[in-house]
C-alpha atoms as a PDB file:
ATOM      1  CA  MET A   1      97.509 109.137  93.102  1.00  0.00           C
ATOM      2  CA  ARG A   2      98.164 105.456  93.125  1.00  0.00           C
ATOM      3  CA  ALA A   3      96.470 102.491  94.722  1.00  0.00           C
ATOM      4  CA  GLY A   4      98.198 100.176  97.190  1.00  0.00           C
ATOM      5  CA  VAL A   5      97.706  96.887  99.011  1.00  0.00           C
ATOM      6  CA  PHE A   6      98.588  96.812 102.721  1.00  0.00           C
ATOM      7  CA  ILE A   7      99.287  93.181 103.671  1.00  0.00           C
ATOM      8  CA  GLU A   8      99.409  91.922 107.239  1.00  0.00           C
ATOM      9  CA  ARG A   9     102.782  90.209 107.661  1.00  0.00           C
ATOM     10  CA  ASP A  10     102.149  87.488 110.189  1.00  0.00           C
ATOM     11  CA  GLY A  11      99.932  84.690 108.907  1.00  0.00           C
ATOM     12  CA  ILE A  12      99.687  86.082 105.362  1.00  0.00           C
ATOM     13  CA  LEU A  13     103.345  86.491 104.266  1.00  0.00           C
ATOM     14  CA  ASN A  14     105.001  84.250 106.870  1.00  0.00           C
ATOM     15  CA  GLU A  15     104.067  81.287 108.960  1.00  0.00           C
ATOM     16  CA  VAL A  16     102.956  81.726 112.591  1.00  0.00           C
ATOM     17  CA  GLN A  17     102.764  79.266 115.459  1.00  0.00           C
ATOM     18  CA  ILE A  18      99.390  78.753 117.133  1.00  0.00           C
ATOM     19  CA  GLU A  19      99.521  78.714 120.939  1.00  0.00           C
ATOM     20  CA  HIS A  20      96.404  78.707 123.113  1.00  0.00           C
ATOM     21  CA  GLN A  21      94.304  79.341 119.971  1.00  0.00           C
ATOM     22  CA  HIS A  22      96.215  82.563 119.128  1.00  0.00           C
ATOM     23  CA  PRO A  23      98.781  83.248 116.387  1.00  0.00           C
ATOM     24  CA  VAL A  24     102.281  83.838 117.796  1.00  0.00           C
ATOM     25  CA  THR A  25     104.682  85.938 115.713  1.00  0.00           C
ATOM     26  CA  PRO A  26     108.209  84.727 115.138  1.00  0.00           C
ATOM     27  CA  ILE A  27     110.735  86.763 117.141  1.00  0.00           C
ATOM     28  CA  THR A  28     113.979  85.423 115.663  1.00  0.00           C
ATOM     29  CA  LEU A  29     115.252  84.865 112.163  1.00  0.00           C
ATOM     30  CA  SER A  30     115.547  81.126 112.791  1.00  0.00           C
ATOM     31  CA  GLN A  31     111.754  81.067 113.540  1.00  0.00           C
ATOM     32  CA  PHE A  32     110.852  83.167 110.459  1.00  0.00           C
ATOM     33  CA  ARG A  33     109.372  81.080 107.603  1.00  0.00           C
ATOM     34  CA  ILE A  34     108.155  82.923 104.517  1.00  0.00           C
ATOM     35  CA  LYS A  35     105.226  81.460 102.689  1.00  0.00           C
ATOM     36  CA  GLU A  36     106.810  80.855  99.246  1.00  0.00           C
ATOM     37  CA  SER A  37     103.383  80.376  97.678  1.00  0.00           C
ATOM     38  CA  VAL A  38     102.566  84.088  98.070  1.00  0.00           C
ATOM     39  CA  ARG A  39     105.300  85.323  95.668  1.00  0.00           C
ATOM     40  CA  PRO A  40     103.511  84.646  92.369  1.00  0.00           C
ATOM     41  CA  LEU A  41     100.295  86.134  93.773  1.00  0.00           C
ATOM     42  CA  LEU A  42     102.045  89.290  94.892  1.00  0.00           C
ATOM     43  CA  GLN A  43     103.727  89.535  91.507  1.00  0.00           C
ATOM     44  CA  LYS A  44     100.243  89.633  89.871  1.00  0.00           C
ATOM     45  CA  LEU A  45      99.388  92.620  92.080  1.00  0.00           C
ATOM     46  CA  LYS A  46     102.684  94.345  91.205  1.00  0.00           C
ATOM     47  CA  GLN A  47     102.092  93.745  87.466  1.00  0.00           C
ATOM     48  CA  ALA A  48      98.721  95.486  87.842  1.00  0.00           C
ATOM     49  CA  GLY A  49     100.573  98.587  89.108  1.00  0.00           C
ATOM     50  CA  LEU A  50      99.704  98.264  92.814  1.00  0.00           C
ATOM     51  CA  ILE A  51     102.144  99.349  95.537  1.00  0.00           C
ATOM     52  CA  LEU A  52     102.654  96.465  98.014  1.00  0.00           C
ATOM     53  CA  ILE A  53     103.291  97.319 101.701  1.00  0.00           C
ATOM     54  CA  ALA A  54     103.585  94.757 104.475  1.00  0.00           C
ATOM     55  CA  THR A  55     102.330  95.996 107.837  1.00  0.00           C
ATOM     56  CA  THR A  56     102.947  94.530 111.260  1.00  0.00           C
ATOM     57  CA  ASN A  57     102.541  95.207 114.934  1.00  0.00           C
ATOM     58  CA  GLN A  58     105.724  94.105 116.720  1.00  0.00           C
ATOM     59  CA  PRO A  59     105.178  94.812 120.456  1.00  0.00           C
ATOM     60  CA  GLY A  60     108.140  92.551 121.315  1.00  0.00           C
ATOM     61  CA  LEU A  61     110.362  95.486 120.503  1.00  0.00           C
ATOM     62  CA  ALA A  62     108.752  97.651 123.180  1.00  0.00           C
ATOM     63  CA  ARG A  63     108.452  94.816 125.673  1.00  0.00           C
ATOM     64  CA  GLY A  64     112.129  93.926 125.234  1.00  0.00           C
ATOM     65  CA  TYR A  65     111.881  90.316 124.146  1.00  0.00           C
ATOM     66  CA  GLN A  66     112.628  90.996 120.460  1.00  0.00           C
ATOM     67  CA  SER A  67     115.708  92.754 119.138  1.00  0.00           C
ATOM     68  CA  ARG A  68     115.549  95.311 116.336  1.00  0.00           C
ATOM     69  CA  ARG A  69     118.456  93.542 114.652  1.00  0.00           C
ATOM     70  CA  GLU A  70     116.514  90.268 114.449  1.00  0.00           C
ATOM     71  CA  LEU A  71     113.456  92.081 113.078  1.00  0.00           C
ATOM     72  CA  ASP A  72     115.591  93.937 110.517  1.00  0.00           C
ATOM     73  CA  GLN A  73     117.074  90.578 109.394  1.00  0.00           C
ATOM     74  CA  MET A  74     113.626  89.065 108.972  1.00  0.00           C
ATOM     75  CA  HIS A  75     112.476  92.024 106.948  1.00  0.00           C
ATOM     76  CA  ALA A  76     115.622  92.029 104.764  1.00  0.00           C
ATOM     77  CA  LEU A  77     114.805  88.365 103.939  1.00  0.00           C
ATOM     78  CA  LEU A  78     111.191  89.220 103.266  1.00  0.00           C
ATOM     79  CA  ARG A  79     112.252  91.963 100.816  1.00  0.00           C
ATOM     80  CA  ARG A  80     114.650  89.588  99.000  1.00  0.00           C
ATOM     81  CA  VAL A  81     112.016  86.869  98.548  1.00  0.00           C
ATOM     82  CA  LEU A  82     108.827  88.885  97.964  1.00  0.00           C
ATOM     83  CA  PRO A  83     108.143  91.815  95.636  1.00  0.00           C
ATOM     84  CA  LEU A  84     107.313  94.268  98.431  1.00  0.00           C
ATOM     85  CA  ASP A  85     107.702  98.014  98.059  1.00  0.00           C
ATOM     86  CA  ASP A  86     107.860  98.659 101.799  1.00  0.00           C
ATOM     87  CA  ILE A  87     107.451  97.122 105.253  1.00  0.00           C
ATOM     88  CA  MET A  88     105.853  99.274 107.937  1.00  0.00           C
ATOM     89  CA  VAL A  89     106.231  98.398 111.584  1.00  0.00           C
ATOM     90  CA  CYS A  90     104.514  99.522 114.802  1.00  0.00           C
ATOM     91  CA  PRO A  91     107.064  98.771 117.525  1.00  0.00           C
ATOM     92  CA  HIS A  92     104.716  99.784 120.375  1.00  0.00           C
ATOM     93  CA  ASP A  93     102.904  97.918 123.084  1.00  0.00           C
ATOM     94  CA  GLU A  94      99.132  98.271 123.526  1.00  0.00           C
ATOM     95  CA  LEU A  95      99.672 100.503 126.579  1.00  0.00           C
ATOM     96  CA  ASP A  96     101.757 103.020 124.539  1.00  0.00           C
ATOM     97  CA  ASP A  97      98.509 104.380 122.993  1.00  0.00           C
ATOM     98  CA  CYS A  98     100.201 105.148 119.674  1.00  0.00           C
ATOM     99  CA  PRO A  99      98.329 106.003 116.454  1.00  0.00           C
ATOM    100  CA  CYS A 100     100.276 103.378 114.385  1.00  0.00           C
ATOM    101  CA  ARG A 101      99.321 100.283 116.351  1.00  0.00           C
ATOM    102  CA  LYS A 102      96.584  98.375 114.533  1.00  0.00           C
ATOM    103  CA  PRO A 103      93.619  98.549 114.823  1.00  0.00           C
ATOM    104  CA  ARG A 104      94.385 102.234 114.549  1.00  0.00           C
ATOM    105  CA  PRO A 105      95.054 103.432 110.949  1.00  0.00           C
ATOM    106  CA  GLY A 106      98.388 105.150 111.483  1.00  0.00           C
ATOM    107  CA  LEU A 107     100.493 102.720 109.445  1.00  0.00           C
ATOM    108  CA  LEU A 108      98.041 103.020 106.557  1.00  0.00           C
ATOM    109  CA  ILE A 109      98.017 106.801 106.703  1.00  0.00           C
ATOM    110  CA  GLU A 110     101.811 106.893 106.896  1.00  0.00           C
ATOM    111  CA  GLY A 111     102.156 104.526 103.949  1.00  0.00           C
ATOM    112  CA  ALA A 112      99.680 106.523 101.898  1.00  0.00           C
ATOM    113  CA  PHE A 113     101.613 109.734 102.545  1.00  0.00           C
ATOM    114  CA  LYS A 114     105.007 108.143 101.783  1.00  0.00           C
ATOM    115  CA  TRP A 115     103.904 106.384  98.602  1.00  0.00           C
ATOM    116  CA  HIS A 116     101.274 108.964  97.406  1.00  0.00           C
ATOM    117  CA  LEU A 117      98.446 106.487  97.678  1.00  0.00           C
ATOM    118  CA  ASP A 118      94.735 107.086  97.468  1.00  0.00           C
ATOM    119  CA  LEU A 119      93.390 105.210 100.495  1.00  0.00           C
ATOM    120  CA  GLU A 120      89.899 104.976  99.020  1.00  0.00           C
ATOM    121  CA  ARG A 121      91.360 103.026  96.097  1.00  0.00           C
ATOM    122  CA  SER A 122      93.665 100.933  98.307  1.00  0.00           C
ATOM    123  CA  PHE A 123      93.167  97.548  99.976  1.00  0.00           C
ATOM    124  CA  VAL A 124      94.037  95.828 103.243  1.00  0.00           C
ATOM    125  CA  VAL A 125      94.645  92.061 103.266  1.00  0.00           C
ATOM    126  CA  SER A 126      94.627  90.177 106.509  1.00  0.00           C
ATOM    127  CA  ASP A 127      93.214  87.361 108.606  1.00  0.00           C
ATOM    128  CA  LYS A 128      92.771  89.489 111.694  1.00  0.00           C
ATOM    129  CA  TRP A 129      90.130  91.922 112.949  1.00  0.00           C
ATOM    130  CA  GLN A 130      92.673  94.601 113.815  1.00  0.00           C
ATOM    131  CA  ASP A 131      93.623  95.152 110.165  1.00  0.00           C
ATOM    132  CA  ALA A 132      89.940  95.178 109.114  1.00  0.00           C
ATOM    133  CA  GLU A 133      89.272  97.930 111.642  1.00  0.00           C
ATOM    134  CA  ALA A 134      92.360  99.925 110.515  1.00  0.00           C
ATOM    135  CA  ALA A 135      91.075  99.623 106.935  1.00  0.00           C
ATOM    136  CA  ARG A 136      87.604 100.885 107.948  1.00  0.00           C
ATOM    137  CA  LEU A 137      89.082 103.851 109.818  1.00  0.00           C
ATOM    138  CA  ALA A 138      91.412 104.744 106.892  1.00  0.00           C
ATOM    139  CA  GLY A 139      88.758 104.304 104.194  1.00  0.00           C
ATOM    140  CA  CYS A 140      90.414 101.333 102.520  1.00  0.00           C
ATOM    141  CA  THR A 141      88.671  98.219 101.217  1.00  0.00           C
ATOM    142  CA  SER A 142      89.273  95.264 103.547  1.00  0.00           C
ATOM    143  CA  VAL A 143      89.704  91.889 101.892  1.00  0.00           C
ATOM    144  CA  LEU A 144      90.015  89.289 104.612  1.00  0.00           C
ATOM    145  CA  ILE A 145      90.994  85.636 104.562  1.00  0.00           C
ATOM    146  CA  ARG A 146      88.647  83.480 106.671  1.00  0.00           C
ATOM    147  CA  SER A 147      90.210  82.743 110.069  1.00  0.00           C
ATOM    148  CA  PRO A 148      89.302  82.456 113.770  1.00  0.00           C
ATOM    149  CA  TRP A 149      90.862  85.863 114.412  1.00  0.00           C
ATOM    150  CA  ILE A 150      88.341  87.977 112.495  1.00  0.00           C
ATOM    151  CA  ARG A 151      85.634  87.948 115.124  1.00  0.00           C
ATOM    152  CA  GLY A 152      82.696  90.140 114.141  1.00  0.00           C
ATOM    153  CA  ALA A 153      84.872  92.865 112.588  1.00  0.00           C
ATOM    154  CA  HIS A 154      83.571  94.936 109.746  1.00  0.00           C
ATOM    155  CA  HIS A 155      84.993  93.814 106.431  1.00  0.00           C
ATOM    156  CA  ASP A 156      84.220  94.482 102.813  1.00  0.00           C
ATOM    157  CA  PHE A 157      85.069  90.943 101.540  1.00  0.00           C
ATOM    158  CA  LEU A 158      85.693  87.651 103.299  1.00  0.00           C
ATOM    159  CA  LEU A 159      87.332  84.993 101.143  1.00  0.00           C
ATOM    160  CA  ASN A 160      88.843  81.556 101.681  1.00  0.00           C
ATOM    161  CA  ASP A 161      92.465  82.034 100.569  1.00  0.00           C
ATOM    162  CA  LEU A 162      95.015  84.475  99.287  1.00  0.00           C
ATOM    163  CA  GLU A 163      94.503  83.421  95.685  1.00  0.00           C
ATOM    164  CA  SER A 164      90.816  84.439  95.923  1.00  0.00           C
ATOM    165  CA  VAL A 165      91.816  87.672  97.603  1.00  0.00           C
ATOM    166  CA  VAL A 166      94.264  88.596  94.813  1.00  0.00           C
ATOM    167  CA  ALA A 167      91.623  87.775  92.131  1.00  0.00           C
ATOM    168  CA  LYS A 168      89.126  90.023  93.928  1.00  0.00           C
ATOM    169  CA  ILE A 169      91.555  92.933  94.230  1.00  0.00           C
ATOM    170  CA  LEU A 170      92.583  92.626  90.585  1.00  0.00           C
ATOM    171  CA  HIS A 171      88.939  92.590  89.542  1.00  0.00           C
ATOM    172  CA  ILE A 172      88.083  95.699  91.566  1.00  0.00           C
ATOM    173  CA  HIS A 173      91.323  97.477  90.602  1.00  0.00           C
ATOM    174  CA  SER A 174      90.872  96.857  86.856  1.00  0.00           C
ATOM    175  CA  GLY A 175      87.252  98.124  87.072  1.00  0.00           C
ATOM    176  CA  ALA A 176      88.430 101.270  88.866  1.00  0.00           C
ATOM    177  CA  ARG A 177      91.102 101.944  86.196  1.00  0.00           C
ATOM    178  CA  VAL A 178      88.525 101.603  83.405  1.00  0.00           C
ATOM    179  CA  ALA A 179      86.202 104.006  85.263  1.00  0.00           C
ATOM    180  CA  LEU A 180      88.979 106.522  85.757  1.00  0.00           C
ATOM    181  CA  LYS A 181      89.900 106.490  82.074  1.00  0.00           C
ATOM    182  CA  ARG A 182      86.369 107.499  81.166  1.00  0.00           C
ATOM    183  CA  PHE A 183      86.787 110.855  82.879  1.00  0.00           C
END
């Protein structure tokens, strides 16, 4: 089985607006701004053999203020610009009580099944507590970027930026590969 990196879309891969001290996800293609600086960092993870999966809660679909067409266009752009293997979306509202809405681990479990990933050797990258909790429940290593949206969530590593996160993942991943070769 392979190892993967589940990456929170909003705030990590694309810009978000901050309103009332909360990140606000873009809902149209014209609002969607990819962080170009993440491309070379993601390429390092790909070169190490990791599967890269963006994950995102998009309750605007269920609430009716975001169209699936706009979301699909944003994700098509994301796939063209960044070396992602997949993008997994929870389209549900909090009240839908679905297993895929983070902080539940459904997206991680689905991604692991689809891509034949070992969750114990996989990582979750985010700046939000919901992803850290999903990582904990799924048995993944959570590598978080310091932000106001982490709260007191369990996390395995808390770092200052995506460059440090990628370095930490590569260090852990290379050590795991060496250990596996010994057996």
